[in-house]
Amino acid sequence: MNTKPALDEAGIPILSDPLADADVVVTSDLQLAERLSGLSTTALVRALLASEAFRQQLDELATRLSRQVHEELQRELQPMLEAVLSQALEDSNNRATDAIYRQLEASLPGLLARTFRKG
């Protein structure tokens, strides 16, 4: 049964089956607190977890917290990582320089001997 509602002169639908006051549930914070005060902790937790609005708030909170932790870790670790990387490069350069020096020191007598024989 697909009936279109009656429209007024401006084309706005006219409500034909309005809700009775008894059908409308309005819950104030006080009414909600009174209703929840009798629940056990377990029942209260279950009721909250069953609430889509509560779970959505938890999801948003988890997302914000995750982002903040990531940013804080990045901010805290960046200087340490830069220092460690710099130290590793410096150590690597020192080892490379030492290796080149030892290689030159080992081959220098032979190079000098060959140079003097040619000359």
Protein backbone atom coordinates (compact mmCIF):
# COMPACT_ATOMS: atom_id res chain seq x y z
CA MET A 1 0.00 0.00 0.00
CA ASN A 2 1.86 3.03 -1.27
CA THR A 3 -0.33 6.06 -0.63
CA LYS A 4 0.98 9.56 -0.88
CA PRO A 5 0.19 11.91 1.99
CA ALA A 6 -2.15 14.81 1.47
CA LEU A 7 -0.41 18.10 0.72
CA ASP A 8 -1.31 21.61 1.79
CA GLU A 9 -1.33 24.62 -0.59
CA ALA A 10 2.46 25.00 -0.35
CA GLY A 11 3.00 21.32 -1.19
CA ILE A 12 4.01 20.32 2.34
CA PRO A 13 2.76 16.90 3.48
CA ILE A 14 -0.01 16.99 6.09
CA LEU A 15 0.42 14.52 8.95
CA SER A 16 -2.58 12.26 9.09
CA ASP A 17 -1.47 9.87 11.86
CA PRO A 18 0.34 11.95 14.44
CA LEU A 19 1.89 10.17 17.42
CA ALA A 20 0.08 10.27 20.69
CA ASP A 21 1.97 11.72 23.65
CA ALA A 22 2.09 8.25 25.19
CA ASP A 23 3.99 6.95 22.14
CA VAL A 24 6.76 9.55 22.44
CA VAL A 25 9.60 8.59 24.77
CA VAL A 26 11.52 11.54 26.13
CA THR A 27 14.29 10.66 28.50
CA SER A 28 15.90 13.37 30.52
CA ASP A 29 19.31 12.91 32.10
CA LEU A 30 17.60 12.50 35.48
CA GLN A 31 15.21 9.84 34.15
CA LEU A 32 18.10 8.03 32.51
CA ALA A 33 20.16 8.18 35.72
CA GLU A 34 17.23 6.81 37.73
CA ARG A 35 16.71 4.00 35.22
CA LEU A 36 20.40 3.05 35.18
CA SER A 37 20.95 3.38 38.93
CA GLY A 38 19.28 0.04 39.61
CA LEU A 39 21.47 -1.88 37.18
CA SER A 40 24.46 -3.93 38.23
CA THR A 41 27.86 -2.92 36.92
CA THR A 42 27.80 -5.80 34.44
CA ALA A 43 24.33 -4.89 33.20
CA LEU A 44 25.32 -1.23 32.91
CA VAL A 45 28.43 -2.12 30.88
CA ARG A 46 26.37 -4.37 28.61
CA ALA A 47 23.79 -1.62 28.14
CA LEU A 48 26.48 0.91 27.25
CA LEU A 49 28.23 -1.45 24.83
CA ALA A 50 24.92 -2.22 23.15
CA SER A 51 24.40 1.50 22.53
CA GLU A 52 25.45 2.53 19.03
CA ALA A 53 26.03 6.12 20.15
CA PHE A 54 28.31 4.97 22.97
CA ARG A 55 30.28 2.67 20.67
CA GLN A 56 30.63 5.49 18.14
CA GLN A 57 32.00 7.76 20.88
CA LEU A 58 34.44 5.02 21.90
CA ASP A 59 35.58 4.64 18.29
CA GLU A 60 36.13 8.38 17.94
CA LEU A 61 38.00 8.49 21.25
CA ALA A 62 40.19 5.54 20.24
CA THR A 63 40.98 7.20 16.90
CA ARG A 64 41.93 10.51 18.54
CA LEU A 65 43.98 8.75 21.22
CA SER A 66 45.81 6.66 18.63
CA ARG A 67 46.61 9.77 16.58
CA GLN A 68 47.85 11.64 19.67
CA VAL A 69 50.05 8.72 20.77
CA HIS A 70 51.50 8.44 17.26
CA GLU A 71 52.27 12.17 17.13
CA GLU A 72 53.78 12.16 20.63
CA LEU A 73 55.97 9.13 19.87
CA GLN A 74 57.12 10.71 16.65
CA ARG A 75 57.91 13.99 18.44
CA GLU A 76 59.80 12.21 21.24
CA LEU A 77 61.66 9.67 19.11
CA GLN A 78 62.67 11.89 16.19
CA PRO A 79 65.61 13.62 17.95
CA MET A 80 66.87 10.30 19.33
CA LEU A 81 66.59 8.58 15.94
CA GLU A 82 68.42 11.46 14.26
CA ALA A 83 71.21 11.25 16.86
CA VAL A 84 71.51 7.47 16.48
CA LEU A 85 71.57 7.74 12.69
CA SER A 86 74.16 10.50 12.81
CA GLN A 87 76.33 8.45 15.20
CA ALA A 88 76.00 5.35 12.99
CA LEU A 89 77.05 7.33 9.91
CA GLU A 90 79.96 8.86 11.79
CA ASP A 91 81.10 5.43 13.05
CA SER A 92 80.74 4.03 9.54
CA ASN A 93 82.79 6.89 8.10
CA ASN A 94 85.48 6.39 10.76
CA ARG A 95 85.66 2.66 10.02
CA ALA A 96 85.80 3.31 6.28
CA THR A 97 88.55 5.89 6.77
CA ASP A 98 90.50 3.46 8.98
CA ALA A 99 90.11 0.67 6.44
CA ILE A 100 91.33 2.92 3.60
CA TYR A 101 94.26 4.08 5.73
CA ARG A 102 95.26 0.48 6.58
CA GLN A 103 94.96 -0.53 2.90
CA LEU A 104 97.12 2.39 1.81
CA GLU A 105 99.63 1.71 4.58
CA ALA A 106 99.87 -1.94 3.56
CA SER A 107 100.22 -1.23 -0.16
CA LEU A 108 102.40 1.89 0.05
CA PRO A 109 105.78 0.10 0.25
CA GLY A 110 104.95 -1.92 -2.88
CA LEU A 111 103.68 1.17 -4.72
CA LEU A 112 106.83 3.11 -3.83
CA ALA A 113 109.10 0.25 -4.90
CA ARG A 114 107.34 -0.05 -8.27
CA THR A 115 107.45 3.72 -8.76
CA PHE A 116 111.20 3.87 -8.09
CA ARG A 117 111.86 0.90 -10.40
CA LYS A 118 109.99 2.56 -13.27
CA GLY A 119 111.60 5.90 -12.73
